[in-house]
Amino acid sequence: MGRKNKRQAFLNGCFLWEDKASISIFDRGLLYGDGLFETLRTYGGEPFRLEAHLERLAQSAAFLQIPLPFEKDEIKGALRELLRRNGLKDAYVRITLTRGRLTGRLDLGGKEPTLLIVVREFKPYPKRYYRLGMKAIISRIRREPRSPLLQHKTLNYLPNILARAEARESGADEALFLNTAGFLTEASVSNLFLVREGQVLTPPVSAGLLPGITRAVVLEICRRNSIPAREKNLRAREAARGDEAFLTNSLMEVMPLSFLEGKPIGGGGVGDLSRNLRRLYKEAVRRELGL
């Protein structure tokens, strides 16, 4: 049987056809969500901000006491080889790290972690989202800002999945989380930014959110282009009174947000600053990757 349309994955040091790659039924990532992941994009075969993604993975692995089984340069090399083997240039990449096989005790042990890398052809978000903006709701789920997990991209993703389902059931595209103090944190798969009187505002990590790589790039772009930007605790009513809003992650880049709870943000369309930041983000990608 030919494998013309099949893909390879990288699993624990080996390149395998995806239908031949398997992990133990006792892997703690499966049993307990005991692990981490990173998602990123490649442009023209080059990963964007791979070093930052791997640094976040390493820091979170150290916090959770999960051994990282390969050096960063080894992971970089494996990813590039995986892209080559799958013939991909513009790709979605997911790196997954778990504590590995259950040893019989529910502790922080685990001397044989699992590292998996998969790649897919990148499929962009529909153009209408960038033209019209997304719609969001406020999720019923509340974030506890003191949780030690919220600042790490763990496999415990069920609240995000439930929030995304809430959004879909309401006819929206995304769901925003409030924390238990009533402040905005982030969306189910993205970070949140508001624009008010020409100033870019985003909730602080201390509110209970993931320090996104794309979020950091946008803040860098603002500093480099003298666009006022800062972290600030924000309530939902402040979003409704904002002039613009947008969301960020590695796959959507800078995504306009035009409606919240059925009400328009600003004029209910894509704001000038959101549009400009999307352009500047793309320029930053091209400049860094030499495209």
C-alpha atoms as a PDB file:
ATOM      1  CA  MET A   1       0.000   0.000   0.000  1.00  0.00           C
ATOM      2  CA  GLY A   2       1.449   3.364  -0.999  1.00  0.00           C
ATOM      3  CA  ARG A   3       2.032   6.182   1.485  1.00  0.00           C
ATOM      4  CA  LYS A   4       1.837   9.072  -0.974  1.00  0.00           C
ATOM      5  CA  ASN A   5      -0.750  10.963   1.085  1.00  0.00           C
ATOM      6  CA  LYS A   6       0.497  10.005   4.537  1.00  0.00           C
ATOM      7  CA  ARG A   7       2.613  12.024   6.914  1.00  0.00           C
ATOM      8  CA  GLN A   8       5.480  11.341   9.263  1.00  0.00           C
ATOM      9  CA  ALA A   9       5.754  12.378  12.914  1.00  0.00           C
ATOM     10  CA  PHE A  10       8.685  12.640  15.308  1.00  0.00           C
ATOM     11  CA  LEU A  11       8.222  10.533  18.440  1.00  0.00           C
ATOM     12  CA  ASN A  12      10.899  10.070  21.106  1.00  0.00           C
ATOM     13  CA  GLY A  13      13.805  10.395  18.692  1.00  0.00           C
ATOM     14  CA  CYS A  14      12.319   8.457  15.752  1.00  0.00           C
ATOM     15  CA  PHE A  15      10.660   9.548  12.520  1.00  0.00           C
ATOM     16  CA  LEU A  16       7.606   7.357  11.991  1.00  0.00           C
ATOM     17  CA  TRP A  17       4.604   7.198   9.723  1.00  0.00           C
ATOM     18  CA  GLU A  18       1.781   8.685  11.766  1.00  0.00           C
ATOM     19  CA  ASP A  19      -0.287   5.496  11.590  1.00  0.00           C
ATOM     20  CA  LYS A  20       2.664   3.602  13.079  1.00  0.00           C
ATOM     21  CA  ALA A  21       3.403   6.068  15.888  1.00  0.00           C
ATOM     22  CA  SER A  22       1.950   5.119  19.276  1.00  0.00           C
ATOM     23  CA  ILE A  23       2.350   5.858  22.960  1.00  0.00           C
ATOM     24  CA  SER A  24       1.695   3.704  26.014  1.00  0.00           C
ATOM     25  CA  ILE A  25      -1.867   3.369  27.290  1.00  0.00           C
ATOM     26  CA  PHE A  26      -0.278   4.288  30.641  1.00  0.00           C
ATOM     27  CA  ASP A  27       1.177   7.589  29.393  1.00  0.00           C
ATOM     28  CA  ARG A  28       0.345  10.249  31.979  1.00  0.00           C
ATOM     29  CA  GLY A  29      -0.483  12.781  29.301  1.00  0.00           C
ATOM     30  CA  LEU A  30      -3.386  10.522  28.346  1.00  0.00           C
ATOM     31  CA  LEU A  31      -4.354   9.491  31.874  1.00  0.00           C
ATOM     32  CA  TYR A  32      -4.014  12.827  33.679  1.00  0.00           C
ATOM     33  CA  GLY A  33      -3.332  15.568  31.156  1.00  0.00           C
ATOM     34  CA  ASP A  34       0.146  15.595  32.690  1.00  0.00           C
ATOM     35  CA  GLY A  35       2.068  17.423  30.025  1.00  0.00           C
ATOM     36  CA  LEU A  36       2.623  20.513  27.911  1.00  0.00           C
ATOM     37  CA  PHE A  37       2.334  21.588  24.301  1.00  0.00           C
ATOM     38  CA  GLU A  38       3.361  24.360  21.950  1.00  0.00           C
ATOM     39  CA  THR A  39       1.817  25.369  18.638  1.00  0.00           C
ATOM     40  CA  LEU A  40       3.541  27.563  16.089  1.00  0.00           C
ATOM     41  CA  ARG A  41       3.696  28.436  12.414  1.00  0.00           C
ATOM     42  CA  THR A  42       6.321  28.096   9.752  1.00  0.00           C
ATOM     43  CA  TYR A  43       6.576  30.525   6.838  1.00  0.00           C
ATOM     44  CA  GLY A  44       8.430  29.389   3.732  1.00  0.00           C
ATOM     45  CA  GLY A  45       9.820  26.478   5.731  1.00  0.00           C
ATOM     46  CA  GLU A  46      11.085  28.698   8.571  1.00  0.00           C
ATOM     47  CA  PRO A  47       9.555  28.471  12.084  1.00  0.00           C
ATOM     48  CA  PHE A  48       8.651  31.854  13.560  1.00  0.00           C
ATOM     49  CA  ARG A  49       9.885  32.520  17.107  1.00  0.00           C
ATOM     50  CA  LEU A  50      10.803  28.867  17.600  1.00  0.00           C
ATOM     51  CA  GLU A  51      13.389  29.806  20.228  1.00  0.00           C
ATOM     52  CA  ALA A  52      10.719  31.594  22.290  1.00  0.00           C
ATOM     53  CA  HIS A  53       8.354  28.625  22.037  1.00  0.00           C
ATOM     54  CA  LEU A  54      11.066  26.205  23.119  1.00  0.00           C
ATOM     55  CA  GLU A  55      12.116  28.475  25.976  1.00  0.00           C
ATOM     56  CA  ARG A  56       8.527  28.602  27.239  1.00  0.00           C
ATOM     57  CA  LEU A  57       8.306  24.815  26.927  1.00  0.00           C
ATOM     58  CA  ALA A  58      11.560  24.387  28.859  1.00  0.00           C
ATOM     59  CA  GLN A  59      10.508  26.799  31.607  1.00  0.00           C
ATOM     60  CA  SER A  60       7.139  25.098  32.033  1.00  0.00           C
ATOM     61  CA  ALA A  61       8.761  21.652  31.979  1.00  0.00           C
ATOM     62  CA  ALA A  62      11.119  22.781  34.750  1.00  0.00           C
ATOM     63  CA  PHE A  63       8.179  24.138  36.767  1.00  0.00           C
ATOM     64  CA  LEU A  64       6.287  20.841  36.400  1.00  0.00           C
ATOM     65  CA  GLN A  65       9.482  18.833  36.905  1.00  0.00           C
ATOM     66  CA  ILE A  66       9.107  17.031  33.569  1.00  0.00           C
ATOM     67  CA  PRO A  67      12.536  16.211  32.093  1.00  0.00           C
ATOM     68  CA  LEU A  68      12.997  17.633  28.591  1.00  0.00           C
ATOM     69  CA  PRO A  69      14.455  14.593  26.776  1.00  0.00           C
ATOM     70  CA  PHE A  70      16.182  16.537  23.998  1.00  0.00           C
ATOM     71  CA  GLU A  71      18.270  19.693  23.815  1.00  0.00           C
ATOM     72  CA  LYS A  72      16.674  22.688  22.104  1.00  0.00           C
ATOM     73  CA  ASP A  73      18.980  22.337  19.081  1.00  0.00           C
ATOM     74  CA  GLU A  74      17.966  18.696  18.738  1.00  0.00           C
ATOM     75  CA  ILE A  75      14.281  19.664  18.729  1.00  0.00           C
ATOM     76  CA  LYS A  76      14.965  22.381  16.156  1.00  0.00           C
ATOM     77  CA  GLY A  77      16.771  19.877  13.948  1.00  0.00           C
ATOM     78  CA  ALA A  78      14.009  17.303  14.318  1.00  0.00           C
ATOM     79  CA  LEU A  79      11.382  19.865  13.336  1.00  0.00           C
ATOM     80  CA  ARG A  80      13.268  20.963  10.236  1.00  0.00           C
ATOM     81  CA  GLU A  81      13.791  17.350   9.179  1.00  0.00           C
ATOM     82  CA  LEU A  82      10.110  16.612   9.773  1.00  0.00           C
ATOM     83  CA  LEU A  83       9.118  19.535   7.565  1.00  0.00           C
ATOM     84  CA  ARG A  84      11.472  18.259   4.862  1.00  0.00           C
ATOM     85  CA  ARG A  85      10.130  14.712   5.051  1.00  0.00           C
ATOM     86  CA  ASN A  86       6.557  15.955   4.769  1.00  0.00           C
ATOM     87  CA  GLY A  87       7.335  18.460   2.013  1.00  0.00           C
ATOM     88  CA  LEU A  88       5.871  21.387   3.954  1.00  0.00           C
ATOM     89  CA  LYS A  89       6.785  25.065   3.812  1.00  0.00           C
ATOM     90  CA  ASP A  90       3.817  26.874   5.373  1.00  0.00           C
ATOM     91  CA  ALA A  91       2.895  24.607   8.249  1.00  0.00           C
ATOM     92  CA  TYR A  92       1.152  24.256  11.574  1.00  0.00           C
ATOM     93  CA  VAL A  93       3.458  22.661  14.143  1.00  0.00           C
ATOM     94  CA  ARG A  94       2.538  21.069  17.467  1.00  0.00           C
ATOM     95  CA  ILE A  95       5.145  19.949  19.981  1.00  0.00           C
ATOM     96  CA  THR A  96       3.778  17.810  22.831  1.00  0.00           C
ATOM     97  CA  LEU A  97       5.672  16.795  25.963  1.00  0.00           C
ATOM     98  CA  THR A  98       4.252  14.425  28.601  1.00  0.00           C
ATOM     99  CA  ARG A  99       5.654  13.004  31.798  1.00  0.00           C
ATOM    100  CA  GLY A 100       5.582   9.609  30.140  1.00  0.00           C
ATOM    101  CA  ARG A 101       4.566   6.215  31.431  1.00  0.00           C
ATOM    102  CA  LEU A 102       2.856   5.896  34.815  1.00  0.00           C
ATOM    103  CA  THR A 103       5.219   4.342  37.338  1.00  0.00           C
ATOM    104  CA  GLY A 104       2.536   3.282  39.826  1.00  0.00           C
ATOM    105  CA  ARG A 105       2.644   6.372  42.014  1.00  0.00           C
ATOM    106  CA  LEU A 106       0.838   9.663  41.468  1.00  0.00           C
ATOM    107  CA  ASP A 107       3.834  11.918  42.009  1.00  0.00           C
ATOM    108  CA  LEU A 108       6.202  14.058  39.947  1.00  0.00           C
ATOM    109  CA  GLY A 109       8.301  11.089  38.913  1.00  0.00           C
ATOM    110  CA  GLY A 110       8.791   9.930  35.364  1.00  0.00           C
ATOM    111  CA  LYS A 111      12.230   9.360  33.945  1.00  0.00           C
ATOM    112  CA  GLU A 112      11.107   8.556  30.376  1.00  0.00           C
ATOM    113  CA  PRO A 113       9.029  11.492  29.121  1.00  0.00           C
ATOM    114  CA  THR A 114       7.266  11.445  25.771  1.00  0.00           C
ATOM    115  CA  LEU A 115       8.103  14.064  23.125  1.00  0.00           C
ATOM    116  CA  LEU A 116       5.967  14.211  19.989  1.00  0.00           C
ATOM    117  CA  ILE A 117       6.113  16.624  17.055  1.00  0.00           C
ATOM    118  CA  VAL A 118       3.461  16.687  14.332  1.00  0.00           C
ATOM    119  CA  VAL A 119       3.145  19.036  11.361  1.00  0.00           C
ATOM    120  CA  ARG A 120       0.266  19.901   9.073  1.00  0.00           C
ATOM    121  CA  GLU A 121      -0.182  22.102   6.046  1.00  0.00           C
ATOM    122  CA  PHE A 122      -1.222  25.484   7.419  1.00  0.00           C
ATOM    123  CA  LYS A 123      -4.819  26.404   6.640  1.00  0.00           C
ATOM    124  CA  PRO A 124      -5.476  30.092   7.339  1.00  0.00           C
ATOM    125  CA  TYR A 125      -8.528  31.466   9.075  1.00  0.00           C
ATOM    126  CA  PRO A 126     -11.283  32.590   6.670  1.00  0.00           C
ATOM    127  CA  LYS A 127     -10.580  35.982   5.123  1.00  0.00           C
ATOM    128  CA  ARG A 128     -13.963  37.289   6.267  1.00  0.00           C
ATOM    129  CA  TYR A 129     -12.740  37.250   9.879  1.00  0.00           C
ATOM    130  CA  TYR A 130      -9.954  39.684   9.034  1.00  0.00           C
ATOM    131  CA  ARG A 131     -12.316  41.792   6.952  1.00  0.00           C
ATOM    132  CA  LEU A 132     -15.212  41.921   9.446  1.00  0.00           C
ATOM    133  CA  GLY A 133     -13.742  40.830  12.766  1.00  0.00           C
ATOM    134  CA  MET A 134     -14.683  38.008  15.099  1.00  0.00           C
ATOM    135  CA  LYS A 135     -17.566  37.852  17.549  1.00  0.00           C
ATOM    136  CA  ALA A 136     -17.040  36.814  21.160  1.00  0.00           C
ATOM    137  CA  ILE A 137     -19.021  36.062  24.294  1.00  0.00           C
ATOM    138  CA  ILE A 138     -18.062  36.051  27.967  1.00  0.00           C
ATOM    139  CA  SER A 139     -17.733  32.455  29.136  1.00  0.00           C
ATOM    140  CA  ARG A 140     -19.553  31.286  32.247  1.00  0.00           C
ATOM    141  CA  ILE A 141     -16.284  29.649  33.336  1.00  0.00           C
ATOM    142  CA  ARG A 142     -14.180  31.730  35.726  1.00  0.00           C
ATOM    143  CA  ARG A 143     -10.393  31.627  36.049  1.00  0.00           C
ATOM    144  CA  GLU A 144      -8.669  31.460  39.430  1.00  0.00           C
ATOM    145  CA  PRO A 145      -5.666  33.782  38.963  1.00  0.00           C
ATOM    146  CA  ARG A 146      -3.689  32.026  41.722  1.00  0.00           C
ATOM    147  CA  SER A 147      -3.806  28.702  39.852  1.00  0.00           C
ATOM    148  CA  PRO A 148      -0.231  27.529  39.176  1.00  0.00           C
ATOM    149  CA  LEU A 149      -1.260  26.118  35.791  1.00  0.00           C
ATOM    150  CA  LEU A 150      -2.693  29.131  33.963  1.00  0.00           C
ATOM    151  CA  GLN A 151       0.704  30.527  32.983  1.00  0.00           C
ATOM    152  CA  HIS A 152       1.723  27.222  31.414  1.00  0.00           C
ATOM    153  CA  LYS A 153       0.407  25.662  28.190  1.00  0.00           C
ATOM    154  CA  THR A 154      -0.653  22.357  29.714  1.00  0.00           C
ATOM    155  CA  LEU A 155      -2.644  19.477  28.281  1.00  0.00           C
ATOM    156  CA  ASN A 156      -5.432  20.322  30.766  1.00  0.00           C
ATOM    157  CA  TYR A 157      -7.467  22.071  28.081  1.00  0.00           C
ATOM    158  CA  LEU A 158     -11.036  21.117  28.951  1.00  0.00           C
ATOM    159  CA  PRO A 159     -12.111  24.590  30.225  1.00  0.00           C
ATOM    160  CA  ASN A 160     -10.964  26.067  26.903  1.00  0.00           C
ATOM    161  CA  ILE A 161     -12.892  23.432  24.968  1.00  0.00           C
ATOM    162  CA  LEU A 162     -16.037  24.057  27.016  1.00  0.00           C
ATOM    163  CA  ALA A 163     -15.704  27.815  26.543  1.00  0.00           C
ATOM    164  CA  ARG A 164     -15.293  27.388  22.786  1.00  0.00           C
ATOM    165  CA  ALA A 165     -18.444  25.219  22.764  1.00  0.00           C
ATOM    166  CA  GLU A 166     -20.296  28.021  24.612  1.00  0.00           C
ATOM    167  CA  ALA A 167     -19.228  30.442  21.898  1.00  0.00           C
ATOM    168  CA  ARG A 168     -20.382  28.174  19.096  1.00  0.00           C
ATOM    169  CA  GLU A 169     -23.748  27.585  20.774  1.00  0.00           C
ATOM    170  CA  SER A 170     -24.196  31.364  20.995  1.00  0.00           C
ATOM    171  CA  GLY A 171     -23.298  31.938  17.356  1.00  0.00           C
ATOM    172  CA  ALA A 172     -19.945  33.495  18.268  1.00  0.00           C
ATOM    173  CA  ASP A 173     -16.391  32.680  17.240  1.00  0.00           C
ATOM    174  CA  GLU A 174     -14.564  32.990  20.556  1.00  0.00           C
ATOM    175  CA  ALA A 175     -15.146  33.103  24.307  1.00  0.00           C
ATOM    176  CA  LEU A 176     -13.403  35.420  26.753  1.00  0.00           C
ATOM    177  CA  PHE A 177     -12.632  34.360  30.312  1.00  0.00           C
ATOM    178  CA  LEU A 178     -13.108  36.472  33.405  1.00  0.00           C
ATOM    179  CA  ASN A 179     -11.168  35.656  36.537  1.00  0.00           C
ATOM    180  CA  THR A 180     -12.776  35.275  39.959  1.00  0.00           C
ATOM    181  CA  ALA A 181     -12.165  38.989  40.634  1.00  0.00           C
ATOM    182  CA  GLY A 182     -14.179  39.916  37.552  1.00  0.00           C
ATOM    183  CA  PHE A 183     -11.270  40.964  35.331  1.00  0.00           C
ATOM    184  CA  LEU A 184     -10.762  39.857  31.739  1.00  0.00           C
ATOM    185  CA  THR A 185      -7.955  37.366  31.175  1.00  0.00           C
ATOM    186  CA  GLU A 186      -7.790  35.831  27.693  1.00  0.00           C
ATOM    187  CA  ALA A 187      -9.859  33.962  25.124  1.00  0.00           C
ATOM    188  CA  SER A 188     -10.138  30.197  24.703  1.00  0.00           C
ATOM    189  CA  VAL A 189      -7.231  29.969  22.226  1.00  0.00           C
ATOM    190  CA  SER A 190      -5.883  33.506  22.096  1.00  0.00           C
ATOM    191  CA  ASN A 191      -4.751  36.560  24.036  1.00  0.00           C
ATOM    192  CA  LEU A 192      -6.857  39.701  24.218  1.00  0.00           C
ATOM    193  CA  PHE A 193      -6.026  43.333  23.412  1.00  0.00           C
ATOM    194  CA  LEU A 194      -8.199  46.447  23.612  1.00  0.00           C
ATOM    195  CA  VAL A 195      -7.582  49.826  22.019  1.00  0.00           C
ATOM    196  CA  ARG A 196      -8.825  52.936  23.795  1.00  0.00           C
ATOM    197  CA  GLU A 197      -7.979  56.498  22.756  1.00  0.00           C
ATOM    198  CA  GLY A 198      -5.017  55.283  20.738  1.00  0.00           C
ATOM    199  CA  GLN A 199      -3.562  53.184  23.552  1.00  0.00           C
ATOM    200  CA  VAL A 200      -3.183  49.398  23.336  1.00  0.00           C
ATOM    201  CA  LEU A 201      -4.204  47.591  26.531  1.00  0.00           C
ATOM    202  CA  THR A 202      -3.887  43.915  27.438  1.00  0.00           C
ATOM    203  CA  PRO A 203      -4.571  42.047  30.701  1.00  0.00           C
ATOM    204  CA  PRO A 204      -1.478  41.287  32.824  1.00  0.00           C
ATOM    205  CA  VAL A 205      -0.249  37.722  33.188  1.00  0.00           C
ATOM    206  CA  SER A 206      -1.074  38.000  36.913  1.00  0.00           C
ATOM    207  CA  ALA A 207      -4.778  38.123  35.996  1.00  0.00           C
ATOM    208  CA  GLY A 208      -4.500  34.426  35.101  1.00  0.00           C
ATOM    209  CA  LEU A 209      -3.507  33.893  31.485  1.00  0.00           C
ATOM    210  CA  LEU A 210      -0.889  32.321  29.257  1.00  0.00           C
ATOM    211  CA  PRO A 211       1.988  34.646  28.300  1.00  0.00           C
ATOM    212  CA  GLY A 212       1.501  34.195  24.566  1.00  0.00           C
ATOM    213  CA  ILE A 213       4.415  34.369  22.160  1.00  0.00           C
ATOM    214  CA  THR A 214       2.402  36.406  19.654  1.00  0.00           C
ATOM    215  CA  ARG A 215       1.215  38.637  22.507  1.00  0.00           C
ATOM    216  CA  ALA A 216       4.864  39.397  23.276  1.00  0.00           C
ATOM    217  CA  VAL A 217       5.611  40.127  19.604  1.00  0.00           C
ATOM    218  CA  VAL A 218       2.720  42.613  19.424  1.00  0.00           C
ATOM    219  CA  LEU A 219       3.967  44.431  22.527  1.00  0.00           C
ATOM    220  CA  GLU A 220       7.457  44.564  20.956  1.00  0.00           C
ATOM    221  CA  ILE A 221       5.982  46.001  17.764  1.00  0.00           C
ATOM    222  CA  CYS A 222       4.153  48.665  19.749  1.00  0.00           C
ATOM    223  CA  ARG A 223       7.369  49.699  21.533  1.00  0.00           C
ATOM    224  CA  ARG A 224       9.323  49.745  18.271  1.00  0.00           C
ATOM    225  CA  ASN A 225       6.719  51.913  16.534  1.00  0.00           C
ATOM    226  CA  SER A 226       6.002  54.274  19.444  1.00  0.00           C
ATOM    227  CA  ILE A 227       2.464  52.958  19.860  1.00  0.00           C
ATOM    228  CA  PRO A 228       1.409  53.422  23.510  1.00  0.00           C
ATOM    229  CA  ALA A 229       0.832  49.979  25.043  1.00  0.00           C
ATOM    230  CA  ARG A 230       0.630  48.596  28.560  1.00  0.00           C
ATOM    231  CA  GLU A 231      -0.785  45.823  30.705  1.00  0.00           C
ATOM    232  CA  LYS A 232      -3.904  46.717  32.673  1.00  0.00           C
ATOM    233  CA  ASN A 233      -6.614  44.887  34.557  1.00  0.00           C
ATOM    234  CA  LEU A 234      -9.757  45.268  32.459  1.00  0.00           C
ATOM    235  CA  ARG A 235     -13.404  44.574  33.141  1.00  0.00           C
ATOM    236  CA  ALA A 236     -15.849  43.394  30.494  1.00  0.00           C
ATOM    237  CA  ARG A 237     -17.629  46.750  30.417  1.00  0.00           C
ATOM    238  CA  GLU A 238     -14.331  48.387  29.451  1.00  0.00           C
ATOM    239  CA  ALA A 239     -14.116  46.107  26.417  1.00  0.00           C
ATOM    240  CA  ALA A 240     -17.588  47.170  25.382  1.00  0.00           C
ATOM    241  CA  ARG A 241     -16.495  50.819  25.631  1.00  0.00           C
ATOM    242  CA  GLY A 242     -13.256  50.272  23.750  1.00  0.00           C
ATOM    243  CA  ASP A 243     -12.564  51.794  20.347  1.00  0.00           C
ATOM    244  CA  GLU A 244     -11.151  48.516  18.964  1.00  0.00           C
ATOM    245  CA  ALA A 245     -10.213  45.037  20.093  1.00  0.00           C
ATOM    246  CA  PHE A 246      -8.180  42.197  18.670  1.00  0.00           C
ATOM    247  CA  LEU A 247      -6.990  38.690  19.523  1.00  0.00           C
ATOM    248  CA  THR A 248      -3.588  37.103  18.998  1.00  0.00           C
ATOM    249  CA  ASN A 249      -2.039  33.667  18.681  1.00  0.00           C
ATOM    250  CA  SER A 250       0.581  32.063  16.474  1.00  0.00           C
ATOM    251  CA  LEU A 251      -1.935  30.805  13.925  1.00  0.00           C
ATOM    252  CA  MET A 252      -4.332  33.752  13.619  1.00  0.00           C
ATOM    253  CA  GLU A 253      -1.569  36.365  14.145  1.00  0.00           C
ATOM    254  CA  VAL A 254      -3.551  39.584  14.791  1.00  0.00           C
ATOM    255  CA  MET A 255      -7.301  38.971  14.545  1.00  0.00           C
ATOM    256  CA  PRO A 256      -9.833  41.837  14.812  1.00  0.00           C
ATOM    257  CA  LEU A 257     -12.611  41.409  17.390  1.00  0.00           C
ATOM    258  CA  SER A 258     -15.660  43.459  16.470  1.00  0.00           C
ATOM    259  CA  PHE A 259     -18.522  42.240  18.686  1.00  0.00           C
ATOM    260  CA  LEU A 260     -18.758  41.187  22.342  1.00  0.00           C
ATOM    261  CA  GLU A 261     -21.956  39.681  23.747  1.00  0.00           C
ATOM    262  CA  GLY A 262     -23.767  40.760  20.590  1.00  0.00           C
ATOM    263  CA  LYS A 263     -22.793  44.422  20.997  1.00  0.00           C
ATOM    264  CA  PRO A 264     -20.352  46.245  18.720  1.00  0.00           C
ATOM    265  CA  ILE A 265     -16.905  47.214  19.956  1.00  0.00           C
ATOM    266  CA  GLY A 266     -16.249  50.712  18.704  1.00  0.00           C
ATOM    267  CA  GLY A 267     -17.969  50.915  15.355  1.00  0.00           C
ATOM    268  CA  GLY A 268     -18.409  47.153  15.130  1.00  0.00           C
ATOM    269  CA  GLY A 269     -15.795  46.772  12.447  1.00  0.00           C
ATOM    270  CA  VAL A 270     -12.040  46.482  12.031  1.00  0.00           C
ATOM    271  CA  GLY A 271     -10.211  49.415  13.577  1.00  0.00           C
ATOM    272  CA  ASP A 272      -7.309  51.239  11.968  1.00  0.00           C
ATOM    273  CA  LEU A 273      -4.828  50.339  14.697  1.00  0.00           C
ATOM    274  CA  SER A 274      -5.798  46.656  14.601  1.00  0.00           C
ATOM    275  CA  ARG A 275      -5.340  46.662  10.843  1.00  0.00           C
ATOM    276  CA  ASN A 276      -1.993  48.445  11.141  1.00  0.00           C
ATOM    277  CA  LEU A 277      -0.717  46.036  13.806  1.00  0.00           C
ATOM    278  CA  ARG A 278      -1.629  43.074  11.616  1.00  0.00           C
ATOM    279  CA  ARG A 279       0.434  44.613   8.803  1.00  0.00           C
ATOM    280  CA  LEU A 280       3.350  45.334  11.137  1.00  0.00           C
ATOM    281  CA  TYR A 281       3.217  41.785  12.480  1.00  0.00           C
ATOM    282  CA  LYS A 282       3.511  40.359   8.969  1.00  0.00           C
ATOM    283  CA  GLU A 283       6.425  42.697   8.287  1.00  0.00           C
ATOM    284  CA  ALA A 284       8.115  41.488  11.482  1.00  0.00           C
ATOM    285  CA  VAL A 285       7.744  37.863  10.358  1.00  0.00           C
ATOM    286  CA  ARG A 286       9.240  38.596   6.938  1.00  0.00           C
ATOM    287  CA  ARG A 287      12.093  40.613   8.434  1.00  0.00           C
ATOM    288  CA  GLU A 288      13.028  38.035  11.080  1.00  0.00           C
ATOM    289  CA  LEU A 289      12.832  35.072   8.711  1.00  0.00           C
ATOM    290  CA  GLY A 290      14.430  36.844   5.752  1.00  0.00           C
ATOM    291  CA  LEU A 291      11.456  36.235   3.473  1.00  0.00           C
END
